[in-house]
C-alpha atoms as a PDB file:
ATOM      1  CA  UNK A   1      13.536   3.821  -4.061  1.00  0.00           C
ATOM      2  CA  UNK A   2      14.477   1.067  -1.667  1.00  0.00           C
ATOM      3  CA  UNK A   3      14.061  -2.485  -2.985  1.00  0.00           C
ATOM      4  CA  UNK A   4      11.823  -4.675  -0.834  1.00  0.00           C
ATOM      5  CA  UNK A   5      10.615  -1.750   1.305  1.00  0.00           C
ATOM      6  CA  UNK A   6       6.957  -0.648   1.362  1.00  0.00           C
ATOM      7  CA  UNK A   7       6.332   3.085   1.714  1.00  0.00           C
ATOM      8  CA  UNK A   8       2.948   4.361   2.952  1.00  0.00           C
ATOM      9  CA  UNK A   9       1.580   7.889   3.270  1.00  0.00           C
ATOM     10  CA  UNK A  10      -0.610   8.221   6.383  1.00  0.00           C
ATOM     11  CA  UNK A  11      -2.727  11.347   6.801  1.00  0.00           C
ATOM     12  CA  UNK A  12      -4.659  12.692   9.745  1.00  0.00           C
ATOM     13  CA  UNK A  13      -5.419  15.932  11.572  1.00  0.00           C
ATOM     14  CA  UNK A  14      -2.541  17.045  13.783  1.00  0.00           C
ATOM     15  CA  UNK A  15      -4.879  18.155  16.567  1.00  0.00           C
ATOM     16  CA  UNK A  16      -6.153  14.568  16.905  1.00  0.00           C
ATOM     17  CA  UNK A  17      -2.795  12.792  16.366  1.00  0.00           C
ATOM     18  CA  UNK A  18      -4.453   9.877  14.561  1.00  0.00           C
ATOM     19  CA  UNK A  19      -4.269   8.378  11.081  1.00  0.00           C
ATOM     20  CA  UNK A  20      -7.437   8.790   9.029  1.00  0.00           C
ATOM     21  CA  UNK A  21      -6.352   7.860   5.512  1.00  0.00           C
ATOM     22  CA  UNK A  22      -3.571   5.744   4.061  1.00  0.00           C
ATOM     23  CA  UNK A  23      -2.004   5.288   0.625  1.00  0.00           C
ATOM     24  CA  UNK A  24       0.604   2.750  -0.490  1.00  0.00           C
ATOM     25  CA  UNK A  25       3.228   4.813  -2.363  1.00  0.00           C
ATOM     26  CA  UNK A  26       5.489   1.891  -3.201  1.00  0.00           C
ATOM     27  CA  UNK A  27       3.708   0.956  -6.444  1.00  0.00           C
ATOM     28  CA  UNK A  28       5.302   1.411  -9.865  1.00  0.00           C
ATOM     29  CA  UNK A  29       2.827   4.098 -11.041  1.00  0.00           C
ATOM     30  CA  UNK A  30       3.223   6.905  -8.523  1.00  0.00           C
ATOM     31  CA  UNK A  31       1.645  10.285  -9.390  1.00  0.00           C
ATOM     32  CA  UNK A  32       3.490  13.621  -9.278  1.00  0.00           C
ATOM     33  CA  UNK A  33       1.630  14.618  -6.114  1.00  0.00           C
ATOM     34  CA  UNK A  34       1.000  12.235  -3.232  1.00  0.00           C
ATOM     35  CA  UNK A  35      -2.702  11.519  -2.596  1.00  0.00           C
ATOM     36  CA  UNK A  36      -3.973  11.379   0.975  1.00  0.00           C
ATOM     37  CA  UNK A  37      -5.314   7.893   0.285  1.00  0.00           C
ATOM     38  CA  UNK A  38      -8.406   5.982   1.308  1.00  0.00           C
ATOM     39  CA  UNK A  39     -10.055   5.779   4.736  1.00  0.00           C
ATOM     40  CA  UNK A  40      -8.386   3.348   7.119  1.00  0.00           C
ATOM     41  CA  UNK A  41     -10.311   0.195   8.092  1.00  0.00           C
ATOM     42  CA  UNK A  42     -13.778   0.642   9.600  1.00  0.00           C
ATOM     43  CA  UNK A  43     -13.858   4.423   9.044  1.00  0.00           C
ATOM     44  CA  UNK A  44     -15.450   6.957   6.692  1.00  0.00           C
ATOM     45  CA  UNK A  45     -14.243  10.370   5.636  1.00  0.00           C
ATOM     46  CA  UNK A  46     -16.211  13.395   4.528  1.00  0.00           C
ATOM     47  CA  UNK A  47     -14.398  16.013   2.442  1.00  0.00           C
ATOM     48  CA  UNK A  48     -16.087  19.386   2.885  1.00  0.00           C
ATOM     49  CA  UNK A  49     -15.483  22.827   1.430  1.00  0.00           C
ATOM     50  CA  UNK A  50     -15.215  26.109   3.350  1.00  0.00           C
ATOM     51  CA  UNK A  51     -19.031  26.147   3.695  1.00  0.00           C
ATOM     52  CA  UNK A  52     -19.156  22.643   5.200  1.00  0.00           C
ATOM     53  CA  UNK A  53     -20.567  21.249   1.941  1.00  0.00           C
ATOM     54  CA  UNK A  54     -19.372  18.069   0.177  1.00  0.00           C
END
């Protein structure tokens, strides 16, 4: 850990080269696996299964 440095995980599809979700990983209670985060400002995400169902 680097004191005074904020670390963020940004996630997005590589074919679009954009960020879709973001998560601030610099908090004191970090999980074992890194979540993809929440939608970035003014966006929505839909997580679908292999059958295009929520």
